Amino acid sequence: RNRQISAEFVLLRCSGEGYRGIEREPPLQRGRHTGHDQSFLSVCRGRELSAPGEGCFASVSVQRHTPAFAHVYGEEAGKDEQPNVQGAPGVVFVAERRDGAMAVDPKELDPEKKAFLERVMSEMVEDESATMVELVAKMHEKEETEEEVEAKEDALEQIMDRVDRIDYAIALHAYGKGFLPAIHLIRDTKHDGIRSRAADLASVCMRNNPQLQHAALEDGGLATIFQAHQNPDNGLNCRAKLVGALSALVQNNKTAEAAFLASGGVDALRSDVASISSKLKTKALFMLQWLLRDSEPAREAAMQGLAGELGAVLSEEDDDVTEYAAMCLMVLVQDKREGLDAATLKAKVEQRLNVGSVATGEAETARDALKQLLGLLG
C-alpha cells in the first residue's frame, strides 16, 4: 500500500510579501498535502529550496514517500503536479508559495545532511504489513508467564490501534489472518486481560462491518462470545467488553439478532443492567435501546422483568445510565406494553429531573431523554 508520511521538520518563519503561512497557527502545513486549495508547487528530491531575496518561503515541510510515489496538488493552470520520483524512496521537500511561482536556483543538499535526513526519516517510517504479521503471530504465542501475557495484551492493543477503519479491519481478516484468532482467544485464554482486549478488538472489527459479522457467525463467533459473557469468572470490565462485542456482531444483522434472542440474550443483558458497574450497565443499556427499537421479540422478552429493572436504574446518578434507560422505556411506552406502571415511572422521572447534572442542564442529552419519556407518560 502506498503511503505518504510527513513530518514537521523545517520552518522558515519569514515575512516576505506574497507568501502565506506565517500568520497561521501552526504556521507549518502538516499531513498529506492533498487539497486543491493548496499551492505546493515546488517539489524536488534531495534538494534544499531557496530563492533570491530574504523571506522566500513561509514554510517548508519534509516528506518521505514509501515506496512508490509522492503526489502533491497545485493550482498552476488548474493541474496536479506529480513529481517523477518512481522507484526512488527518499526525502521530498515541499515549499508553499502564495503567488504560485516555482522555486528557483535549487541547491544540492549537503551529502552529510542528506544522509542524516534519510536516517531520521527511515526511523520514523515502519513497514505496516510486516508489523501486522508480527503482531498477529504474537496472538498465537504462549501465555504462561507474566511477560508472555503482557506481550500478548500489548499486541492486541497495537492491532486495535491499526484497525479503526473498515478496510483495515477487512485486511486484518483477509490478509493478516488475525480477526478470527481474536475471537478464538475470547474462548481459549485463561486471562481476563487478554479476553478483554480480544473482545475489544473483535468489537472494533465487526461494528458496521457486515463482511466480518458474517465471518464471525460462520465461525461460531456468536456462541463463543455469548458463552464467555455468561462465565461468572470474568471481571466486570471484561464482561462490559464482551457486551460490546455482542452488540457489534448483532446490530443490523437479522441472522445474528434472531440467534441472540433465541439464546436468551435479553435476559442476559438484564443481569448486566442490575450490575454494580456503571460501565457494564451503560454497555448493556446501549445495546438494549436499539435492540428493543428494532425487534418485536425483544420487546416481548423485555416485559418479563426487564421493564422493572429499567425503572429502578432511572434513579441512579450516572447520566449515561439514565439516558439509555429512558430511551429503552420510551420504546416500551410507545409500544403500549401492558404491565408498565405509568404512575410510578412518571414519579421517578420527575424526581430524576431534579437531581445532579440533569437538574442543572449539564447532562443535556439525559435531560432531553427524560423529558421525552415524561411526555409519553402524560
Protein backbone atom coordinates (compact mmCIF):
# COMPACT_ATOMS: atom_id res chain seq x y z
CA ARG A 1 0.00 0.00 0.00
CA ASN A 2 1.40 3.40 -0.94
CA ARG A 3 1.66 5.73 1.99
CA GLN A 4 2.90 9.27 2.25
CA ILE A 5 4.12 10.10 5.71
CA SER A 6 5.04 13.66 6.57
CA ALA A 7 6.93 15.14 9.47
CA GLU A 8 7.33 18.64 10.79
CA PHE A 9 10.99 19.23 10.13
CA VAL A 10 11.95 22.69 8.92
CA LEU A 11 10.19 26.01 9.37
CA LEU A 12 11.46 29.26 7.92
CA ARG A 13 9.48 31.98 9.62
CA CYS A 14 9.92 34.69 7.04
CA SER A 15 7.82 37.75 6.40
CA GLY A 16 8.35 38.25 2.69
CA GLU A 17 5.42 39.81 0.86
CA GLY A 18 3.36 37.47 -1.24
CA TYR A 19 3.84 34.40 0.91
CA ARG A 20 1.39 32.82 3.27
CA GLY A 21 1.77 30.62 6.30
CA ILE A 22 3.46 32.93 8.78
CA GLU A 23 0.18 34.14 10.26
CA ARG A 24 -1.40 30.73 10.53
CA GLU A 25 -1.26 28.60 13.68
CA PRO A 26 0.51 26.32 13.39
CA PRO A 27 2.35 28.05 10.54
CA LEU A 28 3.77 24.80 9.18
CA GLN A 29 1.49 22.75 6.96
CA ARG A 30 1.27 19.23 8.31
CA GLY A 31 -0.04 15.93 7.00
CA ARG A 32 -0.86 14.88 3.48
CA HIS A 33 -0.96 17.82 1.11
CA THR A 34 -3.90 16.69 -0.99
CA GLY A 35 -6.19 19.72 -1.09
CA HIS A 36 -6.66 21.60 -4.34
CA ASP A 37 -6.77 24.84 -2.36
CA GLN A 38 -3.06 24.47 -1.53
CA SER A 39 -0.16 25.88 -3.54
CA PHE A 40 2.53 23.29 -3.06
CA LEU A 41 4.09 23.80 -6.47
CA SER A 42 7.78 23.35 -5.82
CA VAL A 43 8.96 19.81 -5.33
CA CYS A 44 12.38 18.28 -5.67
CA ARG A 45 14.14 15.22 -4.33
CA GLY A 46 17.09 15.67 -2.03
CA ARG A 47 17.36 19.40 -2.66
CA GLU A 48 17.31 22.45 -0.48
CA LEU A 49 14.80 25.01 -1.78
CA SER A 50 15.78 28.63 -1.89
CA ALA A 51 15.22 31.72 -3.99
CA PRO A 52 16.69 35.22 -4.33
CA GLY A 53 15.75 37.57 -1.57
CA GLU A 54 15.05 37.13 2.10
CA GLY A 55 11.67 35.77 3.10
CA CYS A 56 11.36 33.42 0.16
CA PHE A 57 9.33 30.69 1.82
CA ALA A 58 6.81 30.97 4.61
CA SER A 59 7.03 27.28 5.42
CA VAL A 60 8.87 24.18 4.36
CA SER A 61 7.95 20.62 5.26
CA VAL A 62 9.86 17.41 4.72
CA GLN A 63 8.11 14.32 3.41
CA ARG A 64 9.12 10.77 2.71
CA HIS A 65 7.30 8.76 0.09
CA THR A 66 7.16 4.98 0.54
CA PRO A 67 7.78 3.20 -1.63
CA ALA A 68 6.48 4.38 -4.98
CA PHE A 69 5.42 7.98 -5.11
CA ALA A 70 4.61 11.27 -3.51
CA HIS A 71 1.79 13.30 -5.02
CA VAL A 72 1.38 16.98 -4.34
CA TYR A 73 -1.52 19.01 -5.70
CA GLY A 74 -1.01 22.53 -7.03
CA GLU A 75 -3.04 25.33 -8.51
CA GLU A 76 -0.92 26.23 -11.52
CA ALA A 77 -3.04 26.01 -14.67
CA GLY A 78 -5.54 24.03 -12.63
CA LYS A 79 -3.43 20.88 -12.99
CA ASP A 80 -1.97 18.45 -10.50
CA GLU A 81 1.78 18.39 -10.04
CA GLN A 82 3.21 14.88 -9.78
CA PRO A 83 6.97 14.68 -9.36
CA ASN A 84 8.78 11.90 -11.13
CA VAL A 85 10.16 10.00 -8.17
CA GLN A 86 9.11 6.48 -9.17
CA GLY A 87 11.17 3.74 -7.57
CA ALA A 88 13.39 6.07 -5.58
CA PRO A 89 12.20 6.40 -1.99
CA GLY A 90 13.72 9.44 -0.41
CA VAL A 91 13.16 12.82 1.11
CA VAL A 92 10.86 15.24 -0.67
CA PHE A 93 10.86 18.90 0.26
CA VAL A 94 7.64 20.84 -0.26
CA ALA A 95 7.56 24.63 -0.16
CA GLU A 96 4.43 26.75 -0.04
CA ARG A 97 4.08 29.89 -2.14
CA ARG A 98 1.02 32.10 -2.42
CA ASP A 99 1.89 33.57 -5.80
CA GLY A 100 2.31 30.19 -7.48
CA ALA A 101 5.92 30.84 -8.52
CA MET A 102 8.22 27.88 -8.91
CA ALA A 103 11.35 27.54 -6.79
CA VAL A 104 14.46 28.98 -8.36
CA ASP A 105 18.12 28.10 -8.09
CA PRO A 106 17.76 24.91 -6.04
CA LYS A 107 20.94 23.89 -4.23
CA GLU A 108 22.10 20.34 -3.82
CA LEU A 109 21.68 19.18 -0.25
CA ASP A 110 24.93 18.54 1.57
CA PRO A 111 25.58 14.75 1.41
CA GLU A 112 26.13 14.52 5.16
CA LYS A 113 22.89 16.38 5.87
CA LYS A 114 21.07 14.30 3.29
CA ALA A 115 22.29 11.06 4.88
CA PHE A 116 21.18 12.32 8.30
CA LEU A 117 17.73 13.20 6.98
CA GLU A 118 17.37 9.82 5.28
CA ARG A 119 18.31 8.04 8.50
CA VAL A 120 15.89 10.08 10.61
CA MET A 121 13.03 9.59 8.17
CA SER A 122 13.66 5.84 7.86
CA GLU A 123 13.46 5.55 11.65
CA MET A 124 10.10 7.32 11.58
CA VAL A 125 8.57 5.02 8.97
CA GLU A 126 7.53 1.45 9.71
CA ASP A 127 6.51 -1.34 7.38
CA GLU A 128 2.85 -1.69 8.40
CA SER A 129 2.40 -5.06 6.71
CA ALA A 130 5.41 -6.61 8.40
CA THR A 131 4.40 -5.12 11.75
CA MET A 132 0.89 -6.54 11.46
CA VAL A 133 2.21 -10.02 10.64
CA GLU A 134 4.44 -9.88 13.72
CA LEU A 135 1.59 -8.71 15.95
CA VAL A 136 -0.79 -11.41 14.70
CA ALA A 137 1.90 -14.03 15.32
CA LYS A 138 2.09 -12.90 18.96
CA MET A 139 -1.62 -13.71 19.35
CA HIS A 140 -0.74 -17.40 18.90
CA GLU A 141 2.16 -17.47 21.37
CA LYS A 142 2.10 -18.97 24.85
CA GLU A 143 0.74 -17.03 27.81
CA GLU A 144 2.26 -18.93 30.71
CA THR A 145 4.40 -16.21 32.25
CA GLU A 146 3.52 -12.68 33.22
CA GLU A 147 5.80 -11.36 30.48
CA GLU A 148 4.10 -13.51 27.85
CA VAL A 149 0.67 -12.35 28.98
CA GLU A 150 1.73 -8.70 28.84
CA ALA A 151 3.26 -9.19 25.38
CA LYS A 152 0.00 -10.67 24.07
CA GLU A 153 -2.06 -7.90 25.64
CA ASP A 154 0.23 -5.30 24.08
CA ALA A 155 -0.02 -6.97 20.66
CA LEU A 156 -3.83 -6.92 20.81
CA GLU A 157 -3.82 -3.23 21.73
CA GLN A 158 -1.46 -2.39 18.88
CA ILE A 159 -3.60 -4.29 16.38
CA MET A 160 -6.69 -2.49 17.61
CA ASP A 161 -4.98 0.86 17.04
CA ARG A 162 -4.45 -0.15 13.41
CA VAL A 163 -7.94 -1.41 12.51
CA ASP A 164 -10.07 1.61 13.33
CA ARG A 165 -11.24 1.77 9.70
CA ILE A 166 -13.38 -0.87 7.99
CA ASP A 167 -10.92 -1.54 5.17
CA TYR A 168 -8.10 -2.09 7.68
CA ALA A 169 -10.31 -4.50 9.67
CA ILE A 170 -11.12 -6.44 6.49
CA ALA A 171 -7.42 -6.56 5.64
CA LEU A 172 -6.70 -7.97 9.11
CA HIS A 173 -9.07 -10.84 8.31
CA ALA A 174 -8.33 -11.37 4.62
CA TYR A 175 -4.56 -10.91 4.58
CA GLY A 176 -3.39 -10.79 8.17
CA LYS A 177 -5.49 -13.78 9.31
CA GLY A 178 -5.91 -12.07 12.66
CA PHE A 179 -9.63 -11.45 13.10
CA LEU A 180 -10.94 -14.94 13.85
CA PRO A 181 -7.97 -15.74 16.15
CA ALA A 182 -9.08 -12.77 18.26
CA ILE A 183 -12.49 -14.42 18.71
CA HIS A 184 -10.82 -17.74 19.47
CA LEU A 185 -8.78 -16.02 22.18
CA ILE A 186 -12.03 -14.96 23.86
CA ARG A 187 -12.79 -18.67 24.24
CA ASP A 188 -9.34 -20.12 24.85
CA THR A 189 -7.42 -17.69 27.04
CA LYS A 190 -7.30 -18.08 30.80
CA HIS A 191 -6.50 -14.44 31.39
CA ASP A 192 -9.10 -11.75 31.91
CA GLY A 193 -6.93 -9.00 30.42
CA ILE A 194 -6.32 -10.92 27.20
CA ARG A 195 -10.01 -11.82 26.88
CA SER A 196 -10.99 -8.17 27.41
CA ARG A 197 -8.63 -6.94 24.73
CA ALA A 198 -9.59 -9.70 22.29
CA ALA A 199 -13.27 -8.80 22.77
CA ASP A 200 -12.45 -5.13 22.25
CA LEU A 201 -10.58 -5.93 19.02
CA ALA A 202 -13.43 -8.11 17.75
CA SER A 203 -15.90 -5.33 18.54
CA VAL A 204 -13.91 -2.72 16.60
CA CYS A 205 -13.63 -5.07 13.60
CA MET A 206 -17.30 -6.12 13.46
CA ARG A 207 -19.12 -2.87 14.14
CA ASN A 208 -20.95 -1.73 10.99
CA ASN A 209 -18.98 -4.34 9.06
CA PRO A 210 -21.29 -6.99 7.51
CA GLN A 211 -18.41 -8.91 5.98
CA LEU A 212 -16.75 -9.59 9.32
CA GLN A 213 -20.08 -10.12 11.07
CA HIS A 214 -20.75 -12.90 8.56
CA ALA A 215 -17.28 -14.35 9.02
CA ALA A 216 -17.74 -14.41 12.80
CA LEU A 217 -21.17 -16.07 12.53
CA GLU A 218 -19.86 -18.78 10.21
CA ASP A 219 -17.06 -19.48 12.66
CA GLY A 220 -19.44 -19.80 15.62
CA GLY A 221 -18.41 -16.44 17.00
CA LEU A 222 -21.81 -15.57 18.48
CA ALA A 223 -21.86 -18.69 20.65
CA THR A 224 -18.21 -18.13 21.61
CA ILE A 225 -18.79 -14.56 22.78
CA PHE A 226 -22.15 -15.30 24.41
CA GLN A 227 -20.74 -18.22 26.40
CA ALA A 228 -17.81 -16.10 27.55
CA HIS A 229 -20.27 -13.39 28.58
CA GLN A 230 -22.08 -15.94 30.77
CA ASN A 231 -18.87 -17.00 32.53
CA PRO A 232 -19.12 -15.73 36.13
CA ASP A 233 -15.33 -15.76 36.49
CA ASN A 234 -14.96 -12.78 34.15
CA GLY A 235 -14.38 -9.41 35.76
CA LEU A 236 -16.88 -6.60 35.26
CA ASN A 237 -14.62 -4.75 32.80
CA CYS A 238 -14.19 -7.91 30.73
CA ARG A 239 -17.93 -8.51 30.79
CA ALA A 240 -18.51 -4.97 29.52
CA LYS A 241 -16.09 -5.60 26.63
CA LEU A 242 -17.95 -8.80 25.79
CA VAL A 243 -21.27 -6.93 25.69
CA GLY A 244 -19.63 -4.50 23.29
CA ALA A 245 -18.56 -7.41 21.07
CA LEU A 246 -22.07 -8.91 21.15
CA SER A 247 -23.55 -5.54 20.23
CA ALA A 248 -21.13 -5.12 17.32
CA LEU A 249 -21.92 -8.59 15.99
CA VAL A 250 -25.71 -8.45 16.37
CA GLN A 251 -26.55 -4.87 15.36
CA ASN A 252 -28.01 -4.57 11.84
CA ASN A 253 -27.65 -8.33 11.33
CA LYS A 254 -31.00 -10.08 11.47
CA THR A 255 -29.50 -13.57 11.50
CA ALA A 256 -27.29 -12.78 14.48
CA GLU A 257 -30.12 -10.88 16.18
CA ALA A 258 -32.51 -13.83 15.93
CA ALA A 259 -29.89 -16.24 17.26
CA PHE A 260 -29.03 -13.89 20.13
CA LEU A 261 -32.66 -13.53 21.19
CA ALA A 262 -33.27 -17.29 20.88
CA SER A 263 -30.34 -17.84 23.25
CA GLY A 264 -31.91 -15.66 25.94
CA GLY A 265 -29.98 -12.54 25.07
CA VAL A 266 -32.41 -10.05 26.62
CA ASP A 267 -32.39 -11.92 29.92
CA ALA A 268 -28.57 -11.98 29.86
CA LEU A 269 -28.48 -8.23 29.36
CA ARG A 270 -30.99 -7.81 32.16
CA SER A 271 -28.45 -9.23 34.60
CA ASP A 272 -25.93 -6.65 33.35
CA VAL A 273 -28.42 -3.82 33.93
CA ALA A 274 -28.62 -4.97 37.56
CA SER A 275 -24.82 -4.91 37.89
CA ILE A 276 -22.93 -2.63 40.28
CA SER A 277 -20.73 -1.49 37.39
CA SER A 278 -21.88 1.70 35.66
CA LYS A 279 -19.72 0.85 32.63
CA LEU A 280 -21.33 -2.56 32.25
CA LYS A 281 -24.82 -1.11 32.75
CA THR A 282 -24.18 1.55 30.11
CA LYS A 283 -22.96 -1.03 27.57
CA ALA A 284 -25.96 -3.27 28.20
CA LEU A 285 -28.47 -0.42 28.07
CA PHE A 286 -26.95 0.94 24.87
CA MET A 287 -27.42 -2.45 23.23
CA LEU A 288 -30.92 -2.81 24.62
CA GLN A 289 -32.12 0.57 23.39
CA TRP A 290 -31.53 -0.26 19.72
CA LEU A 291 -32.48 -3.93 20.15
CA LEU A 292 -35.87 -3.00 21.65
CA ARG A 293 -36.42 -0.46 18.89
CA ASP A 294 -35.62 -2.96 16.13
CA SER A 295 -37.17 -6.19 17.41
CA GLU A 296 -40.69 -7.16 18.44
CA PRO A 297 -39.45 -10.38 20.11
CA ALA A 298 -37.00 -8.28 22.14
CA ARG A 299 -39.83 -6.04 23.34
CA GLU A 300 -41.86 -9.09 24.33
CA ALA A 301 -38.91 -10.51 26.27
CA ALA A 302 -38.33 -7.16 27.96
CA MET A 303 -41.67 -7.33 29.71
CA GLN A 304 -40.55 -10.43 31.61
CA GLY A 305 -38.82 -8.41 34.31
CA LEU A 306 -36.55 -6.05 32.38
CA ALA A 307 -39.03 -3.18 32.46
CA GLY A 308 -38.84 -3.17 36.26
CA GLU A 309 -35.03 -3.05 36.17
CA LEU A 310 -35.17 -0.12 33.77
CA GLY A 311 -37.40 1.82 36.12
CA ALA A 312 -35.04 1.10 39.01
CA VAL A 313 -31.91 2.39 37.28
CA LEU A 314 -33.61 5.65 36.30
CA SER A 315 -32.93 6.84 39.83
CA GLU A 316 -29.17 6.35 39.56
CA GLU A 317 -27.00 9.44 39.20
CA ASP A 318 -24.93 8.15 36.27
CA ASP A 319 -26.19 10.28 33.37
CA ASP A 320 -25.40 7.76 30.63
CA VAL A 321 -27.26 5.02 32.51
CA THR A 322 -30.22 7.37 32.96
CA GLU A 323 -30.25 8.38 29.28
CA TYR A 324 -30.19 4.86 27.85
CA ALA A 325 -32.66 3.52 30.42
CA ALA A 326 -35.06 6.34 29.47
CA MET A 327 -34.61 5.52 25.78
CA CYS A 328 -35.43 1.85 26.45
CA LEU A 329 -38.54 2.80 28.40
CA MET A 330 -39.67 5.19 25.66
CA VAL A 331 -39.76 2.27 23.20
CA LEU A 332 -41.87 0.17 25.58
CA VAL A 333 -44.24 3.05 26.39
CA GLN A 334 -44.71 3.87 22.70
CA ASP A 335 -45.38 0.17 22.07
CA LYS A 336 -48.21 0.43 24.62
CA ARG A 337 -46.99 -2.58 26.53
CA GLU A 338 -49.25 -3.78 29.29
CA GLY A 339 -47.63 -4.21 32.67
CA LEU A 340 -45.89 -0.84 32.78
CA ASP A 341 -46.76 1.18 35.89
CA ALA A 342 -47.03 4.60 34.26
CA ALA A 343 -47.72 6.47 37.50
CA THR A 344 -44.67 5.05 39.27
CA LEU A 345 -42.46 5.67 36.24
CA LYS A 346 -43.68 9.23 35.97
CA ALA A 347 -42.83 9.92 39.60
CA LYS A 348 -39.31 8.50 39.13
CA VAL A 349 -38.72 10.58 36.00
CA GLU A 350 -39.86 13.79 37.71
CA GLN A 351 -37.60 13.05 40.66
CA ARG A 352 -34.58 12.31 38.44
CA LEU A 353 -35.07 15.58 36.54
CA ASN A 354 -34.31 17.42 39.78
CA VAL A 355 -31.08 15.59 40.64
CA GLY A 356 -27.45 16.29 39.80
CA SER A 357 -26.22 17.45 36.41
CA VAL A 358 -29.56 16.59 34.84
CA ALA A 359 -31.18 19.24 37.03
CA THR A 360 -28.52 21.87 36.16
CA GLY A 361 -28.81 21.13 32.44
CA GLU A 362 -25.19 19.99 32.09
CA ALA A 363 -26.33 16.46 31.13
CA GLU A 364 -28.38 17.77 28.24
CA THR A 365 -28.99 14.52 26.35
CA ALA A 366 -30.06 12.66 29.51
CA ARG A 367 -32.38 15.52 30.43
CA ASP A 368 -33.90 15.53 26.94
CA ALA A 369 -34.50 11.76 27.07
CA LEU A 370 -36.21 12.06 30.45
CA LYS A 371 -38.43 14.89 29.22
CA GLN A 372 -39.45 12.89 26.16
CA LEU A 373 -40.29 9.91 28.36
CA LEU A 374 -42.27 12.15 30.70
CA GLY A 375 -44.24 13.50 27.75
CA LEU A 376 -45.12 9.97 26.63
CA LEU A 377 -46.24 9.05 30.12
CA GLY A 378 -48.63 12.01 30.11
